[in-house]
Amino acid sequence: MIVSDVACQCGAAYWRAEASSLKGHCGQFHCACCGALVESWDQPKARVYRLVISTERLYQHPKPPPSPLTGYAQARADAA
Protein backbone atom coordinates (compact mmCIF):
# COMPACT_ATOMS: atom_id res chain seq x y z
CA MET A 1 0.00 0.00 0.00
CA ILE A 2 1.26 3.45 -0.91
CA VAL A 3 0.12 6.40 1.21
CA SER A 4 0.71 9.96 0.02
CA ASP A 5 -0.55 13.52 0.47
CA VAL A 6 -2.76 15.22 -2.10
CA ALA A 7 -3.91 18.84 -2.07
CA CYS A 8 -6.70 20.63 -3.91
CA GLN A 9 -6.32 24.07 -5.43
CA CYS A 10 -8.70 25.45 -2.77
CA GLY A 11 -6.30 24.39 0.00
CA ALA A 12 -8.03 21.24 1.24
CA ALA A 13 -5.57 18.45 2.09
CA TYR A 14 -6.14 14.71 1.66
CA TRP A 15 -4.36 11.45 2.36
CA ARG A 16 -4.45 9.01 -0.54
CA ALA A 17 -3.99 5.28 -0.03
CA GLU A 18 -3.37 3.18 -3.12
CA ALA A 19 -3.48 -0.60 -2.88
CA SER A 20 -1.00 -2.46 -5.06
CA SER A 21 -2.57 -5.88 -4.54
CA LEU A 22 -6.24 -4.97 -5.15
CA LYS A 23 -7.72 -4.28 -8.55
CA GLY A 24 -9.79 -1.15 -8.77
CA HIS A 25 -11.11 0.88 -11.64
CA CYS A 26 -10.27 3.98 -13.64
CA GLY A 27 -11.76 7.09 -12.18
CA GLN A 28 -11.63 10.63 -10.87
CA PHE A 29 -11.54 12.22 -7.46
CA HIS A 30 -13.31 15.52 -6.80
CA CYS A 31 -12.72 17.77 -3.79
CA ALA A 32 -15.33 17.46 -1.05
CA CYS A 33 -14.99 21.18 -0.21
CA CYS A 34 -15.16 22.91 -3.60
CA GLY A 35 -15.99 20.15 -6.10
CA ALA A 36 -12.90 20.71 -8.27
CA LEU A 37 -11.19 17.79 -9.98
CA VAL A 38 -8.18 16.81 -7.86
CA GLU A 39 -6.98 13.68 -9.66
CA SER A 40 -7.93 11.33 -12.45
CA TRP A 41 -6.30 8.01 -13.31
CA ASP A 42 -6.43 5.54 -16.18
CA GLN A 43 -4.91 2.53 -14.42
CA PRO A 44 -7.25 0.08 -12.68
CA LYS A 45 -6.03 0.77 -9.14
CA ALA A 46 -7.92 0.77 -5.85
CA ARG A 47 -7.62 4.24 -4.28
CA VAL A 48 -9.23 5.80 -1.23
CA TYR A 49 -9.03 9.40 -0.05
CA ARG A 50 -9.38 10.86 3.42
CA LEU A 51 -9.94 14.56 4.09
CA VAL A 52 -7.25 15.73 6.52
CA ILE A 53 -8.03 19.44 6.67
CA SER A 54 -10.84 21.36 5.02
CA THR A 55 -10.66 24.94 3.81
CA GLU A 56 -12.77 26.18 6.71
CA ARG A 57 -10.19 24.81 9.16
CA LEU A 58 -7.12 26.30 7.50
CA TYR A 59 -4.98 28.63 9.56
CA GLN A 60 -5.93 32.25 8.97
CA HIS A 61 -2.92 34.54 9.04
CA PRO A 62 -3.56 37.44 11.43
CA LYS A 63 -2.97 40.99 10.29
CA PRO A 64 0.16 42.54 11.77
CA PRO A 65 -0.38 45.34 14.29
CA PRO A 66 0.17 48.90 13.12
CA SER A 67 3.65 50.30 13.40
CA PRO A 68 4.30 52.40 16.51
CA LEU A 69 5.91 54.99 14.26
CA THR A 70 2.67 55.41 12.32
CA GLY A 71 0.82 56.25 15.54
CA TYR A 72 3.59 58.68 16.54
CA ALA A 73 3.44 60.47 13.18
CA GLN A 74 -0.34 60.71 13.40
CA ALA A 75 -0.17 62.11 16.95
CA ARG A 76 2.36 64.75 15.85
CA ALA A 77 0.16 65.72 12.91
CA ASP A 78 -2.87 66.06 15.19
CA ALA A 79 -0.88 68.20 17.67
CA ALA A 80 0.31 70.61 14.98
PDB file of N, CA and C in Angstrom:
ATOM      1  N   MET A   1       0.846  -1.168   0.000  1.00  0.00           N
ATOM      2  CA  MET A   1       0.000   0.000   0.000  1.00  0.00           C
ATOM      3  C   MET A   1       0.898   1.241   0.000  1.00  0.00           C
ATOM      4  N   ILE A   2       0.536   2.189  -0.815  1.00  0.00           N
ATOM      5  CA  ILE A   2       1.263   3.453  -0.910  1.00  0.00           C
ATOM      6  C   ILE A   2       0.362   4.550  -0.354  1.00  0.00           C
ATOM      7  N   VAL A   3       0.866   5.292   0.621  1.00  0.00           N
ATOM      8  CA  VAL A   3       0.121   6.402   1.212  1.00  0.00           C
ATOM      9  C   VAL A   3       0.852   7.689   0.884  1.00  0.00           C
ATOM     10  N   SER A   4       0.101   8.685   0.385  1.00  0.00           N
ATOM     11  CA  SER A   4       0.715   9.962   0.025  1.00  0.00           C
ATOM     12  C   SER A   4      -0.260  11.096   0.299  1.00  0.00           C
ATOM     13  N   ASP A   5       0.253  12.311   0.253  1.00  0.00           N
ATOM     14  CA  ASP A   5      -0.545  13.518   0.468  1.00  0.00           C
ATOM     15  C   ASP A   5      -0.988  14.076  -0.880  1.00  0.00           C
ATOM     16  N   VAL A   6      -2.212  14.589  -0.911  1.00  0.00           N
ATOM     17  CA  VAL A   6      -2.756  15.219  -2.098  1.00  0.00           C
ATOM     18  C   VAL A   6      -3.436  16.499  -1.643  1.00  0.00           C
ATOM     19  N   ALA A   7      -3.287  17.573  -2.420  1.00  0.00           N
ATOM     20  CA  ALA A   7      -3.911  18.844  -2.066  1.00  0.00           C
ATOM     21  C   ALA A   7      -4.741  19.362  -3.236  1.00  0.00           C
ATOM     22  N   CYS A   8      -5.836  19.995  -2.916  1.00  0.00           N
ATOM     23  CA  CYS A   8      -6.697  20.627  -3.907  1.00  0.00           C
ATOM     24  C   CYS A   8      -6.242  22.074  -4.092  1.00  0.00           C
ATOM     25  N   GLN A   9      -6.674  22.678  -5.184  1.00  0.00           N
ATOM     26  CA  GLN A   9      -6.324  24.073  -5.435  1.00  0.00           C
ATOM     27  C   GLN A   9      -6.970  25.023  -4.427  1.00  0.00           C
ATOM     28  N   CYS A  10      -8.040  24.602  -3.766  1.00  0.00           N
ATOM     29  CA  CYS A  10      -8.699  25.451  -2.768  1.00  0.00           C
ATOM     30  C   CYS A  10      -7.985  25.413  -1.424  1.00  0.00           C
ATOM     31  N   GLY A  11      -7.052  24.481  -1.252  1.00  0.00           N
ATOM     32  CA  GLY A  11      -6.303  24.388  -0.002  1.00  0.00           C
ATOM     33  C   GLY A  11      -6.640  23.183   0.845  1.00  0.00           C
ATOM     34  N   ALA A  12      -7.678  22.443   0.493  1.00  0.00           N
ATOM     35  CA  ALA A  12      -8.030  21.238   1.244  1.00  0.00           C
ATOM     36  C   ALA A  12      -6.939  20.190   1.062  1.00  0.00           C
ATOM     37  N   ALA A  13      -6.633  19.465   2.127  1.00  0.00           N
ATOM     38  CA  ALA A  13      -5.573  18.453   2.089  1.00  0.00           C
ATOM     39  C   ALA A  13      -6.172  17.071   2.325  1.00  0.00           C
ATOM     40  N   TYR A  14      -5.658  16.084   1.592  1.00  0.00           N
ATOM     41  CA  TYR A  14      -6.145  14.712   1.660  1.00  0.00           C
ATOM     42  C   TYR A  14      -4.976  13.754   1.823  1.00  0.00           C
ATOM     43  N   TRP A  15      -5.271  12.591   2.396  1.00  0.00           N
ATOM     44  CA  TRP A  15      -4.358  11.447   2.359  1.00  0.00           C
ATOM     45  C   TRP A  15      -4.921  10.504   1.313  1.00  0.00           C
ATOM     46  N   ARG A  16      -4.036   9.971   0.476  1.00  0.00           N
ATOM     47  CA  ARG A  16      -4.450   9.009  -0.541  1.00  0.00           C
ATOM     48  C   ARG A  16      -3.762   7.684  -0.252  1.00  0.00           C
ATOM     49  N   ALA A  17      -4.533   6.626  -0.191  1.00  0.00           N
ATOM     50  CA  ALA A  17      -3.995   5.276  -0.028  1.00  0.00           C
ATOM     51  C   ALA A  17      -4.285   4.515  -1.308  1.00  0.00           C
ATOM     52  N   GLU A  18      -3.240   3.926  -1.862  1.00  0.00           N
ATOM     53  CA  GLU A  18      -3.367   3.183  -3.116  1.00  0.00           C
ATOM     54  C   GLU A  18      -2.906   1.758  -2.879  1.00  0.00           C
ATOM     55  N   ALA A  19      -3.802   0.813  -3.103  1.00  0.00           N
ATOM     56  CA  ALA A  19      -3.484  -0.599  -2.881  1.00  0.00           C
ATOM     57  C   ALA A  19      -2.815  -1.171  -4.125  1.00  0.00           C
ATOM     58  N   SER A  20      -1.701  -1.847  -3.926  1.00  0.00           N
ATOM     59  CA  SER A  20      -1.002  -2.457  -5.060  1.00  0.00           C
ATOM     60  C   SER A  20      -1.515  -3.869  -5.336  1.00  0.00           C
ATOM     61  N   SER A  21      -2.122  -4.503  -4.357  1.00  0.00           N
ATOM     62  CA  SER A  21      -2.569  -5.884  -4.537  1.00  0.00           C
ATOM     63  C   SER A  21      -4.038  -5.986  -4.959  1.00  0.00           C
ATOM     64  N   LEU A  22      -4.824  -4.934  -4.778  1.00  0.00           N
ATOM     65  CA  LEU A  22      -6.240  -4.968  -5.152  1.00  0.00           C
ATOM     66  C   LEU A  22      -6.457  -4.308  -6.496  1.00  0.00           C
ATOM     67  N   LYS A  23      -7.337  -4.889  -7.281  1.00  0.00           N
ATOM     68  CA  LYS A  23      -7.718  -4.278  -8.553  1.00  0.00           C
ATOM     69  C   LYS A  23      -8.851  -3.299  -8.292  1.00  0.00           C
ATOM     70  N   GLY A  24      -8.760  -2.168  -8.893  1.00  0.00           N
ATOM     71  CA  GLY A  24      -9.790  -1.151  -8.768  1.00  0.00           C
ATOM     72  C   GLY A  24     -10.363  -0.835 -10.124  1.00  0.00           C
ATOM     73  N   HIS A  25     -10.577   0.444 -10.364  1.00  0.00           N
ATOM     74  CA  HIS A  25     -11.108   0.883 -11.645  1.00  0.00           C
ATOM     75  C   HIS A  25     -10.568   2.265 -11.975  1.00  0.00           C
ATOM     76  N   CYS A  26     -10.661   2.633 -13.220  1.00  0.00           N
ATOM     77  CA  CYS A  26     -10.269   3.981 -13.635  1.00  0.00           C
ATOM     78  C   CYS A  26     -11.263   4.958 -13.021  1.00  0.00           C
ATOM     79  N   GLY A  27     -10.822   6.162 -12.781  1.00  0.00           N
ATOM     80  CA  GLY A  27     -11.761   7.091 -12.180  1.00  0.00           C
ATOM     81  C   GLY A  27     -11.210   8.480 -11.960  1.00  0.00           C
ATOM     82  N   GLN A  28     -11.975   9.250 -11.211  1.00  0.00           N
ATOM     83  CA  GLN A  28     -11.635  10.629 -10.873  1.00  0.00           C
ATOM     84  C   GLN A  28     -11.957  10.862  -9.405  1.00  0.00           C
ATOM     85  N   PHE A  29     -11.251  11.818  -8.838  1.00  0.00           N
ATOM     86  CA  PHE A  29     -11.537  12.223  -7.458  1.00  0.00           C
ATOM     87  C   PHE A  29     -11.784  13.722  -7.451  1.00  0.00           C
ATOM     88  N   HIS A  30     -12.925  14.119  -6.904  1.00  0.00           N
ATOM     89  CA  HIS A  30     -13.305  15.523  -6.798  1.00  0.00           C
ATOM     90  C   HIS A  30     -13.234  15.965  -5.340  1.00  0.00           C
ATOM     91  N   CYS A  31     -12.850  17.200  -5.131  1.00  0.00           N
ATOM     92  CA  CYS A  31     -12.715  17.768  -3.786  1.00  0.00           C
ATOM     93  C   CYS A  31     -14.076  17.815  -3.093  1.00  0.00           C
ATOM     94  N   ALA A  32     -14.099  17.426  -1.833  1.00  0.00           N
ATOM     95  CA  ALA A  32     -15.335  17.457  -1.052  1.00  0.00           C
ATOM     96  C   ALA A  32     -15.707  18.878  -0.635  1.00  0.00           C
ATOM     97  N   CYS A  33     -14.740  19.804  -0.647  1.00  0.00           N
ATOM     98  CA  CYS A  33     -14.995  21.176  -0.209  1.00  0.00           C
ATOM     99  C   CYS A  33     -15.487  22.072  -1.343  1.00  0.00           C
ATOM    100  N   CYS A  34     -14.823  21.986  -2.506  1.00  0.00           N
ATOM    101  CA  CYS A  34     -15.164  22.908  -3.596  1.00  0.00           C
ATOM    102  C   CYS A  34     -15.668  22.203  -4.851  1.00  0.00           C
ATOM    103  N   GLY A  35     -15.506  20.896  -4.947  1.00  0.00           N
ATOM    104  CA  GLY A  35     -15.995  20.150  -6.097  1.00  0.00           C
ATOM    105  C   GLY A  35     -15.047  20.101  -7.283  1.00  0.00           C
ATOM    106  N   ALA A  36     -13.874  20.689  -7.168  1.00  0.00           N
ATOM    107  CA  ALA A  36     -12.902  20.708  -8.268  1.00  0.00           C
ATOM    108  C   ALA A  36     -12.281  19.326  -8.459  1.00  0.00           C
ATOM    109  N   LEU A  37     -11.864  19.047  -9.679  1.00  0.00           N
ATOM    110  CA  LEU A  37     -11.186  17.789  -9.981  1.00  0.00           C
ATOM    111  C   LEU A  37      -9.789  17.832  -9.379  1.00  0.00           C
ATOM    112  N   VAL A  38      -9.483  16.882  -8.506  1.00  0.00           N
ATOM    113  CA  VAL A  38      -8.178  16.814  -7.859  1.00  0.00           C
ATOM    114  C   VAL A  38      -7.265  15.867  -8.623  1.00  0.00           C
ATOM    115  N   GLU A  39      -7.770  14.680  -8.936  1.00  0.00           N
ATOM    116  CA  GLU A  39      -6.978  13.684  -9.658  1.00  0.00           C
ATOM    117  C   GLU A  39      -7.875  12.843 -10.547  1.00  0.00           C
ATOM    118  N   SER A  40      -7.284  12.353 -11.635  1.00  0.00           N
ATOM    119  CA  SER A  40      -7.931  11.332 -12.447  1.00  0.00           C
ATOM    120  C   SER A  40      -6.861  10.315 -12.818  1.00  0.00           C
ATOM    121  N   TRP A  41      -7.256   9.057 -13.006  1.00  0.00           N
ATOM    122  CA  TRP A  41      -6.297   8.013 -13.305  1.00  0.00           C
ATOM    123  C   TRP A  41      -6.905   7.030 -14.299  1.00  0.00           C
ATOM    124  N   ASP A  42      -6.021   6.485 -15.139  1.00  0.00           N
ATOM    125  CA  ASP A  42      -6.429   5.544 -16.183  1.00  0.00           C
ATOM    126  C   ASP A  42      -6.105   4.101 -15.832  1.00  0.00           C
ATOM    127  N   GLN A  43      -5.282   3.888 -14.821  1.00  0.00           N
ATOM    128  CA  GLN A  43      -4.914   2.528 -14.420  1.00  0.00           C
ATOM    129  C   GLN A  43      -5.986   1.965 -13.488  1.00  0.00           C
ATOM    130  N   PRO A  44      -6.263   0.686 -13.593  1.00  0.00           N
ATOM    131  CA  PRO A  44      -7.248   0.082 -12.682  1.00  0.00           C
ATOM    132  C   PRO A  44      -6.642  -0.169 -11.303  1.00  0.00           C
ATOM    133  N   LYS A  45      -6.601   0.869 -10.485  1.00  0.00           N
ATOM    134  CA  LYS A  45      -6.033   0.767  -9.144  1.00  0.00           C
ATOM    135  C   LYS A  45      -7.090   1.126  -8.108  1.00  0.00           C
ATOM    136  N   ALA A  46      -7.009   0.471  -6.957  1.00  0.00           N
ATOM    137  CA  ALA A  46      -7.921   0.768  -5.851  1.00  0.00           C
ATOM    138  C   ALA A  46      -7.344   1.930  -5.056  1.00  0.00           C
ATOM    139  N   ARG A  47      -8.068   3.045  -5.009  1.00  0.00           N
ATOM    140  CA  ARG A  47      -7.624   4.240  -4.276  1.00  0.00           C
ATOM    141  C   ARG A  47      -8.721   4.702  -3.333  1.00  0.00           C
ATOM    142  N   VAL A  48      -8.313   5.180  -2.181  1.00  0.00           N
ATOM    143  CA  VAL A  48      -9.229   5.801  -1.233  1.00  0.00           C
ATOM    144  C   VAL A  48      -8.614   7.120  -0.772  1.00  0.00           C
ATOM    145  N   TYR A  49      -9.466   8.070  -0.473  1.00  0.00           N
ATOM    146  CA  TYR A  49      -9.029   9.400  -0.048  1.00  0.00           C
ATOM    147  C   TYR A  49      -9.650   9.725   1.296  1.00  0.00           C
ATOM    148  N   ARG A  50      -8.881  10.418   2.122  1.00  0.00           N
ATOM    149  CA  ARG A  50      -9.379  10.859   3.421  1.00  0.00           C
ATOM    150  C   ARG A  50      -9.077  12.347   3.580  1.00  0.00           C
ATOM    151  N   LEU A  51     -10.105  13.118   3.879  1.00  0.00           N
ATOM    152  CA  LEU A  51      -9.942  14.555   4.091  1.00  0.00           C
ATOM    153  C   LEU A  51      -9.203  14.779   5.404  1.00  0.00           C
ATOM    154  N   VAL A  52      -8.060  15.466   5.333  1.00  0.00           N
ATOM    155  CA  VAL A  52      -7.250  15.727   6.515  1.00  0.00           C
ATOM    156  C   VAL A  52      -7.595  17.097   7.091  1.00  0.00           C
ATOM    157  N   ILE A  53      -7.666  18.096   6.223  1.00  0.00           N
ATOM    158  CA  ILE A  53      -8.034  19.436   6.674  1.00  0.00           C
ATOM    159  C   ILE A  53      -8.834  20.132   5.585  1.00  0.00           C
ATOM    160  N   SER A  54      -9.982  20.667   5.976  1.00  0.00           N
ATOM    161  CA  SER A  54     -10.835  21.358   5.019  1.00  0.00           C
ATOM    162  C   SER A  54     -10.477  22.835   4.980  1.00  0.00           C
ATOM    163  N   THR A  55     -10.990  23.521   3.978  1.00  0.00           N
ATOM    164  CA  THR A  55     -10.657  24.939   3.811  1.00  0.00           C
ATOM    165  C   THR A  55     -11.176  25.795   4.962  1.00  0.00           C
ATOM    166  N   GLU A  56     -12.253  25.388   5.599  1.00  0.00           N
ATOM    167  CA  GLU A  56     -12.772  26.184   6.714  1.00  0.00           C
ATOM    168  C   GLU A  56     -11.941  26.022   7.983  1.00  0.00           C
ATOM    169  N   ARG A  57     -11.060  25.028   8.012  1.00  0.00           N
ATOM    170  CA  ARG A  57     -10.194  24.806   9.164  1.00  0.00           C
ATOM    171  C   ARG A  57      -8.752  25.258   8.934  1.00  0.00           C
ATOM    172  N   LEU A  58      -8.474  25.843   7.782  1.00  0.00           N
ATOM    173  CA  LEU A  58      -7.120  26.302   7.497  1.00  0.00           C
ATOM    174  C   LEU A  58      -6.746  27.453   8.420  1.00  0.00           C
ATOM    175  N   TYR A  59      -5.478  27.566   8.701  1.00  0.00           N
ATOM    176  CA  TYR A  59      -4.979  28.633   9.560  1.00  0.00           C
ATOM    177  C   TYR A  59      -5.131  29.981   8.862  1.00  0.00           C
ATOM    178  N   GLN A  60      -5.773  30.914   9.507  1.00  0.00           N
ATOM    179  CA  GLN A  60      -5.932  32.254   8.971  1.00  0.00           C
ATOM    180  C   GLN A  60      -4.803  33.131   9.504  1.00  0.00           C
ATOM    181  N   HIS A  61      -4.030  33.701   8.618  1.00  0.00           N
ATOM    182  CA  HIS A  61      -2.917  34.543   9.039  1.00  0.00           C
ATOM    183  C   HIS A  61      -3.445  35.850   9.608  1.00  0.00           C
ATOM    184  N   PRO A  62      -3.078  36.188  10.839  1.00  0.00           N
ATOM    185  CA  PRO A  62      -3.558  37.441  11.431  1.00  0.00           C
ATOM    186  C   PRO A  62      -2.870  38.637  10.783  1.00  0.00           C
ATOM    187  N   LYS A  63      -3.564  39.766  10.803  1.00  0.00           N
ATOM    188  CA  LYS A  63      -2.968  40.995  10.287  1.00  0.00           C
ATOM    189  C   LYS A  63      -1.956  41.512  11.302  1.00  0.00           C
ATOM    190  N   PRO A  64      -0.827  42.016  10.837  1.00  0.00           N
ATOM    191  CA  PRO A  64       0.163  42.541  11.773  1.00  0.00           C
ATOM    192  C   PRO A  64      -0.353  43.825  12.417  1.00  0.00           C
ATOM    193  N   PRO A  65       0.066  44.109  13.627  1.00  0.00           N
ATOM    194  CA  PRO A  65      -0.377  45.338  14.286  1.00  0.00           C
ATOM    195  C   PRO A  65       0.231  46.551  13.582  1.00  0.00           C
ATOM    196  N   PRO A  66      -0.382  47.707  13.750  1.00  0.00           N
ATOM    197  CA  PRO A  66       0.174  48.898  13.116  1.00  0.00           C
ATOM    198  C   PRO A  66       1.528  49.263  13.729  1.00  0.00           C
ATOM    199  N   SER A  67       2.325  49.891  12.943  1.00  0.00           N
ATOM    200  CA  SER A  67       3.647  50.296  13.399  1.00  0.00           C
ATOM    201  C   SER A  67       3.521  51.385  14.462  1.00  0.00           C
ATOM    202  N   PRO A  68       4.348  51.347  15.502  1.00  0.00           N
ATOM    203  CA  PRO A  68       4.301  52.405  16.509  1.00  0.00           C
ATOM    204  C   PRO A  68       4.690  53.752  15.908  1.00  0.00           C
ATOM    205  N   LEU A  69       5.511  53.738  14.895  1.00  0.00           N
ATOM    206  CA  LEU A  69       5.915  54.987  14.258  1.00  0.00           C
ATOM    207  C   LEU A  69       4.754  55.646  13.534  1.00  0.00           C
ATOM    208  N   THR A  70       3.837  54.844  12.992  1.00  0.00           N
ATOM    209  CA  THR A  70       2.666  55.405  12.325  1.00  0.00           C
ATOM    210  C   THR A  70       1.804  56.154  13.332  1.00  0.00           C
ATOM    211  N   GLY A  71       1.605  55.577  14.500  1.00  0.00           N
ATOM    212  CA  GLY A  71       0.824  56.247  15.540  1.00  0.00           C
ATOM    213  C   GLY A  71       1.500  57.518  16.022  1.00  0.00           C
ATOM    214  N   TYR A  72       2.839  57.501  16.101  1.00  0.00           N
ATOM    215  CA  TYR A  72       3.592  58.677  16.536  1.00  0.00           C
ATOM    216  C   TYR A  72       3.467  59.784  15.508  1.00  0.00           C
ATOM    217  N   ALA A  73       3.562  59.464  14.233  1.00  0.00           N
ATOM    218  CA  ALA A  73       3.440  60.471  13.180  1.00  0.00           C
ATOM    219  C   ALA A  73       2.040  61.052  13.163  1.00  0.00           C
ATOM    220  N   GLN A  74       1.032  60.225  13.377  1.00  0.00           N
ATOM    221  CA  GLN A  74      -0.339  60.713  13.403  1.00  0.00           C
ATOM    222  C   GLN A  74      -0.561  61.627  14.606  1.00  0.00           C
ATOM    223  N   ALA A  75      -0.022  61.283  15.758  1.00  0.00           N
ATOM    224  CA  ALA A  75      -0.169  62.112  16.953  1.00  0.00           C
ATOM    225  C   ALA A  75       0.516  63.468  16.763  1.00  0.00           C
ATOM    226  N   ARG A  76       1.666  63.480  16.117  1.00  0.00           N
ATOM    227  CA  ARG A  76       2.364  64.747  15.850  1.00  0.00           C
ATOM    228  C   ARG A  76       1.582  65.608  14.873  1.00  0.00           C
ATOM    229  N   ALA A  77       0.949  64.965  13.886  1.00  0.00           N
ATOM    230  CA  ALA A  77       0.161  65.717  12.913  1.00  0.00           C
ATOM    231  C   ALA A  77      -1.073  66.303  13.572  1.00  0.00           C
ATOM    232  N   ASP A  78      -1.692  65.557  14.489  1.00  0.00           N
ATOM    233  CA  ASP A  78      -2.875  66.059  15.187  1.00  0.00           C
ATOM    234  C   ASP A  78      -2.513  67.201  16.132  1.00  0.00           C
ATOM    235  N   ALA A  79      -1.299  67.176  16.719  1.00  0.00           N
ATOM    236  CA  ALA A  79      -0.882  68.200  17.671  1.00  0.00           C
ATOM    237  C   ALA A  79      -0.522  69.503  16.945  1.00  0.00           C
ATOM    238  N   ALA A  80      -0.135  69.411  15.710  1.00  0.00           N
ATOM    239  CA  ALA A  80       0.315  70.614  14.978  1.00  0.00           C
ATOM    240  C   ALA A  80      -0.810  71.454  14.469  1.00  0.00           C
TER     241      ALA A  80
END
